[in-house]
């Protein structure tokens, strides 16, 4: 795996002129954030050897490098998923490449089903912890020292300082009139591509889960092995199965995720600004 990571990293380095320390993975319906950047380079996944390709509507499948104001940034505009037929190692390959490129802080965004009845559709949930319910771990397999520790701690995968920073940012924007309502909770990743059943959601409730989805936890696991600081943000696009009369569909997820696009982009931009200031102290 190290050989593949090095080849991809070197190809990317030849095409970019910036050195970002912050990366953002954009979830379903959230890809427009990349348009906020002053572009340095755009690198489609299919231009990289043996790199997994996004096949899901709403995921453009490319890396965007550019400046957010004066902050160099790496954006993954569309992720790949386990349910697309890739191995967990392939799904999380981009995170390992990010580490190799010098990324220190990773913002993982997703669109998620809301399990916590006290939360509302349209809220943003900061992930405090996760349950990986896919039955797979992306760090399984032959061990290579350069990937990180073989047995690594998962106690504080989602950085508490970053969560507090993001919470304060949300409160300030809400007070300024932006439609930003934030929550905190545990996220549970299922394999997909089918949505969860009502019985699975009842199980998730008993486990103390507030949101469910088909990504993110596996990426956070690899980020933990790579010792990246992680901030996870779920856009709650629908009530989970059995909690409303509506049937679940991907189009609704995309529409709800993109409905508050302007305020969401301001929210993410301000979080990145605060993270950059924090890292420069």
Protein backbone atom coordinates (compact mmCIF):
# COMPACT_ATOMS: atom_id res chain seq x y z
CA UNK A 1 0.00 0.00 0.00
CA UNK A 2 2.84 2.41 0.81
CA UNK A 3 4.10 2.17 -2.77
CA UNK A 4 0.69 3.12 -4.17
CA UNK A 5 0.33 6.00 -1.70
CA UNK A 6 3.75 7.34 -2.69
CA UNK A 7 3.01 7.15 -6.43
CA UNK A 8 -0.31 8.98 -6.06
CA UNK A 9 1.16 11.57 -3.70
CA UNK A 10 4.02 12.33 -6.07
CA UNK A 11 1.64 12.73 -9.02
CA UNK A 12 -0.45 15.19 -7.01
CA UNK A 13 2.61 17.14 -5.84
CA UNK A 14 3.62 17.71 -9.47
CA UNK A 15 0.26 19.38 -10.15
CA UNK A 16 -0.13 21.67 -7.15
CA UNK A 17 1.75 24.74 -5.99
CA UNK A 18 0.30 24.99 -2.47
CA UNK A 19 0.89 23.09 0.77
CA UNK A 20 -2.41 22.83 2.64
CA UNK A 21 -2.59 21.62 6.24
CA UNK A 22 -6.41 21.44 6.30
CA UNK A 23 -8.52 19.07 4.20
CA UNK A 24 -12.29 18.82 3.82
CA UNK A 25 -14.25 15.76 2.64
CA UNK A 26 -17.59 16.84 1.19
CA UNK A 27 -20.62 14.59 1.63
CA UNK A 28 -23.79 14.11 -0.43
CA UNK A 29 -25.34 17.39 -1.56
CA UNK A 30 -22.51 19.44 -0.05
CA UNK A 31 -20.09 19.53 -2.98
CA UNK A 32 -20.76 23.16 -3.91
CA UNK A 33 -18.50 24.32 -1.11
CA UNK A 34 -15.52 23.67 -3.40
CA UNK A 35 -16.73 26.56 -5.57
CA UNK A 36 -15.78 28.93 -2.73
CA UNK A 37 -12.08 28.37 -3.39
CA UNK A 38 -9.68 30.32 -5.54
CA UNK A 39 -8.49 27.33 -7.54
CA UNK A 40 -4.90 26.21 -7.70
CA UNK A 41 -5.46 22.74 -9.22
CA UNK A 42 -8.27 20.27 -9.89
CA UNK A 43 -7.29 16.60 -10.01
CA UNK A 44 -9.97 14.06 -11.03
CA UNK A 45 -9.71 10.72 -9.25
CA UNK A 46 -9.72 8.90 -12.59
CA UNK A 47 -6.42 10.61 -13.49
CA UNK A 48 -4.68 8.84 -10.60
CA UNK A 49 -3.53 5.21 -11.01
CA UNK A 50 -5.74 2.59 -9.32
CA UNK A 51 -7.59 5.29 -7.40
CA UNK A 52 -11.24 4.57 -6.47
CA UNK A 53 -13.81 6.50 -8.51
CA UNK A 54 -17.01 8.07 -7.14
CA UNK A 55 -20.10 6.55 -8.77
CA UNK A 56 -22.81 8.25 -6.68
CA UNK A 57 -24.95 11.14 -7.91
CA UNK A 58 -23.82 14.38 -6.26
CA UNK A 59 -20.19 13.25 -5.84
CA UNK A 60 -18.02 14.83 -8.56
CA UNK A 61 -15.01 12.66 -7.84
CA UNK A 62 -12.07 15.03 -7.76
CA UNK A 63 -9.58 16.77 -5.49
CA UNK A 64 -9.76 20.55 -5.50
CA UNK A 65 -6.75 22.50 -4.24
CA UNK A 66 -7.04 26.21 -3.67
CA UNK A 67 -7.21 29.14 -1.32
CA UNK A 68 -10.06 30.06 0.97
CA UNK A 69 -9.16 33.71 1.32
CA UNK A 70 -5.45 33.21 2.05
CA UNK A 71 -5.77 29.74 3.60
CA UNK A 72 -4.47 26.86 1.44
CA UNK A 73 -6.99 24.04 1.39
CA UNK A 74 -7.46 20.54 0.01
CA UNK A 75 -11.05 19.53 -0.75
CA UNK A 76 -12.30 16.07 -1.61
CA UNK A 77 -15.29 16.88 -3.79
CA UNK A 78 -17.12 13.60 -3.55
CA UNK A 79 -16.00 10.60 -1.53
CA UNK A 80 -16.11 6.90 -2.36
CA UNK A 81 -18.12 4.43 -0.31
CA UNK A 82 -17.87 0.83 0.80
CA UNK A 83 -21.25 0.08 -0.80
CA UNK A 84 -19.85 1.00 -4.23
CA UNK A 85 -17.93 -2.28 -4.15
CA UNK A 86 -14.59 -0.97 -2.96
CA UNK A 87 -12.64 -2.47 -0.10
CA UNK A 88 -12.34 -0.43 3.08
CA UNK A 89 -8.66 0.05 2.24
CA UNK A 90 -9.62 1.59 -1.10
CA UNK A 91 -12.34 3.76 0.47
CA UNK A 92 -9.85 5.23 2.93
CA UNK A 93 -6.90 5.54 0.54
CA UNK A 94 -7.57 9.30 0.09
CA UNK A 95 -7.07 9.86 3.83
CA UNK A 96 -3.65 8.20 3.70
CA UNK A 97 -2.72 10.33 0.69
CA UNK A 98 -3.81 13.44 2.60
CA UNK A 99 -1.49 12.51 5.45
CA UNK A 100 1.37 12.03 2.99
CA UNK A 101 0.68 15.46 1.51
CA UNK A 102 1.11 17.10 4.90
CA UNK A 103 -2.51 17.46 6.02
CA UNK A 104 -2.82 17.90 9.79
CA UNK A 105 -6.53 18.63 10.29
CA UNK A 106 -9.37 16.79 8.56
CA UNK A 107 -12.98 17.99 8.38
CA UNK A 108 -15.32 15.10 7.52
CA UNK A 109 -18.81 16.14 6.41
CA UNK A 110 -21.76 13.96 5.55
CA UNK A 111 -25.51 13.90 5.11
CA UNK A 112 -27.11 11.73 7.77
CA UNK A 113 -30.40 10.36 8.99
CA UNK A 114 -31.54 11.81 12.29
CA UNK A 115 -32.19 9.31 15.09
CA UNK A 116 -32.38 11.68 18.07
CA UNK A 117 -35.99 12.88 18.29
CA UNK A 118 -34.86 16.09 20.01
CA UNK A 119 -32.95 17.13 16.90
CA UNK A 120 -34.51 18.58 13.74
CA UNK A 121 -34.00 18.04 10.04
CA UNK A 122 -31.61 20.75 8.87
CA UNK A 123 -29.58 20.77 12.08
CA UNK A 124 -25.82 20.25 11.97
CA UNK A 125 -24.44 17.63 14.34
CA UNK A 126 -20.85 17.58 15.52
CA UNK A 127 -19.77 13.96 15.86
CA UNK A 128 -18.46 13.25 19.37
CA UNK A 129 -17.90 9.52 18.77
CA UNK A 130 -18.93 6.81 16.33
CA UNK A 131 -19.97 3.19 16.02
CA UNK A 132 -18.60 1.37 13.01
CA UNK A 133 -21.41 -1.09 12.19
CA UNK A 134 -20.12 -2.15 8.78
CA UNK A 135 -18.38 -5.26 10.07
CA UNK A 136 -15.16 -4.12 8.42
CA UNK A 137 -12.12 -2.21 9.63
CA UNK A 138 -10.01 -0.29 7.07
CA UNK A 139 -6.80 -1.12 8.98
CA UNK A 140 -7.14 -4.87 8.55
CA UNK A 141 -4.44 -6.63 6.54
CA UNK A 142 -0.70 -6.67 6.14
CA UNK A 143 0.89 -4.12 8.47
CA UNK A 144 3.37 -1.52 7.25
CA UNK A 145 5.16 0.72 9.77
CA UNK A 146 4.70 3.86 7.67
CA UNK A 147 0.91 3.64 7.96
CA UNK A 148 1.01 4.39 11.69
CA UNK A 149 0.74 2.25 14.79
CA UNK A 150 -0.73 -1.23 14.37
CA UNK A 151 -2.74 -0.94 17.59
CA UNK A 152 -3.85 2.64 18.06
CA UNK A 153 -6.10 4.46 20.53
CA UNK A 154 -9.65 5.43 19.52
CA UNK A 155 -10.67 7.26 22.71
CA UNK A 156 -10.75 10.79 21.24
CA UNK A 157 -11.04 10.33 17.50
CA UNK A 158 -13.05 13.55 17.14
CA UNK A 159 -11.00 16.40 18.55
CA UNK A 160 -12.71 18.07 21.52
CA UNK A 161 -10.99 21.40 20.94
CA UNK A 162 -12.22 21.48 17.33
CA UNK A 163 -15.76 20.59 18.41
CA UNK A 164 -15.78 23.45 20.92
CA UNK A 165 -14.39 25.83 18.29
CA UNK A 166 -17.08 24.78 15.80
CA UNK A 167 -19.82 25.04 18.42
CA UNK A 168 -18.82 28.61 19.25
CA UNK A 169 -18.70 29.45 15.56
CA UNK A 170 -22.24 28.11 15.09
CA UNK A 171 -23.56 30.13 18.03
CA UNK A 172 -22.03 33.35 16.69
CA UNK A 173 -23.47 32.80 13.23
CA UNK A 174 -26.91 31.98 14.64
CA UNK A 175 -26.81 35.19 16.69
CA UNK A 176 -25.86 37.04 13.49
CA UNK A 177 -28.99 35.76 11.75
CA UNK A 178 -27.62 32.71 9.94
CA UNK A 179 -29.74 29.55 9.88
CA UNK A 180 -27.18 27.48 11.77
CA UNK A 181 -28.53 25.19 14.50
CA UNK A 182 -25.98 22.78 15.94
CA UNK A 183 -26.11 19.61 18.01
CA UNK A 184 -23.63 17.04 19.29
CA UNK A 185 -23.95 13.27 19.19
CA UNK A 186 -22.77 9.78 18.28
CA UNK A 187 -22.77 8.76 14.62
CA UNK A 188 -23.24 5.18 13.42
CA UNK A 189 -21.99 3.97 10.05
CA UNK A 190 -23.89 1.21 8.29
CA UNK A 191 -22.57 -0.38 5.11
CA UNK A 192 -25.47 0.64 2.82
CA UNK A 193 -26.57 1.01 0.09
CA UNK A 194 -30.00 0.18 1.53
CA UNK A 195 -31.22 2.58 4.15
CA UNK A 196 -31.57 1.26 7.68
CA UNK A 197 -34.71 -0.58 8.76
CA UNK A 198 -36.95 0.75 11.55
CA UNK A 199 -35.69 -2.13 13.74
CA UNK A 200 -32.07 -1.12 13.09
CA UNK A 201 -32.92 2.46 14.03
CA UNK A 202 -34.52 1.29 17.28
CA UNK A 203 -31.29 -0.60 17.98
CA UNK A 204 -29.27 2.53 17.21
CA UNK A 205 -31.42 4.50 19.65
CA UNK A 206 -30.71 1.96 22.39
CA UNK A 207 -26.99 2.32 21.63
CA UNK A 208 -27.20 6.08 22.22
CA UNK A 209 -26.82 7.00 18.55
CA UNK A 210 -28.08 10.37 17.28
CA UNK A 211 -27.40 10.04 13.53
CA UNK A 212 -26.78 7.29 10.98
CA UNK A 213 -25.13 7.14 7.58
CA UNK A 214 -22.97 5.17 5.15
CA UNK A 215 -19.58 6.89 5.45
CA UNK A 216 -17.22 8.81 7.73
CA UNK A 217 -16.48 6.34 10.56
CA UNK A 218 -14.10 4.31 8.38
CA UNK A 219 -12.31 7.49 7.29
CA UNK A 220 -12.04 8.64 10.91
CA UNK A 221 -10.49 5.31 11.90
CA UNK A 222 -7.69 5.74 9.36
CA UNK A 223 -7.32 9.40 10.33
CA UNK A 224 -6.80 8.24 13.92
CA UNK A 225 -4.08 5.83 12.81
CA UNK A 226 -2.49 8.68 10.83
CA UNK A 227 -2.77 10.97 13.88
CA UNK A 228 -4.83 13.62 12.10
CA UNK A 229 -7.06 15.98 14.06
CA UNK A 230 -10.65 15.24 13.02
CA UNK A 231 -13.81 17.34 13.06
CA UNK A 232 -16.93 15.47 11.94
CA UNK A 233 -20.07 17.36 10.88
CA UNK A 234 -23.32 15.65 9.90
CA UNK A 235 -26.07 17.54 8.09
CA UNK A 236 -29.29 15.95 9.32
CA UNK A 237 -31.25 15.64 6.08
CA UNK A 238 -34.12 13.37 7.15
CA UNK A 239 -35.59 11.53 10.09
CA UNK A 240 -34.35 7.95 10.09
CA UNK A 241 -36.55 4.99 9.12
CA UNK A 242 -39.64 4.55 11.28
CA UNK A 243 -39.41 8.04 12.80
CA UNK A 244 -41.59 9.74 10.17
CA UNK A 245 -44.18 8.79 7.55
CA UNK A 246 -41.83 9.57 4.66
CA UNK A 247 -39.96 6.94 2.68
CA UNK A 248 -36.25 7.57 2.34
CA UNK A 249 -34.63 8.49 -0.98
CA UNK A 250 -31.31 9.92 -2.10
CA UNK A 251 -32.85 12.84 -4.01
CA UNK A 252 -34.43 14.17 -0.82
CA UNK A 253 -31.09 13.84 0.97
CA UNK A 254 -29.36 15.92 -1.72
CA UNK A 255 -32.12 18.54 -1.76
CA UNK A 256 -32.18 19.06 1.99
CA UNK A 257 -28.38 19.11 2.20
CA UNK A 258 -28.23 21.82 -0.46
CA UNK A 259 -31.22 23.84 0.75
CA UNK A 260 -29.24 25.93 3.23
CA UNK A 261 -26.21 26.13 0.95
CA UNK A 262 -25.29 29.78 1.50
CA UNK A 263 -25.38 29.61 5.30
CA UNK A 264 -23.63 26.22 5.29
CA UNK A 265 -20.77 27.54 3.18
CA UNK A 266 -20.37 30.53 5.51
CA UNK A 267 -20.38 28.12 8.45
CA UNK A 268 -17.64 25.88 7.03
CA UNK A 269 -15.57 28.85 5.90
CA UNK A 270 -15.67 30.40 9.36
CA UNK A 271 -14.74 27.07 10.99
CA UNK A 272 -11.73 26.75 8.66
CA UNK A 273 -10.70 30.34 9.45
CA UNK A 274 -10.83 29.57 13.18
CA UNK A 275 -8.91 26.30 12.77
CA UNK A 276 -6.22 28.09 10.78
CA UNK A 277 -5.87 30.75 13.48
CA UNK A 278 -5.67 28.04 16.14
CA UNK A 279 -2.94 26.16 14.29
CA UNK A 280 -0.91 29.34 13.81
CA UNK A 281 -0.83 30.21 17.51
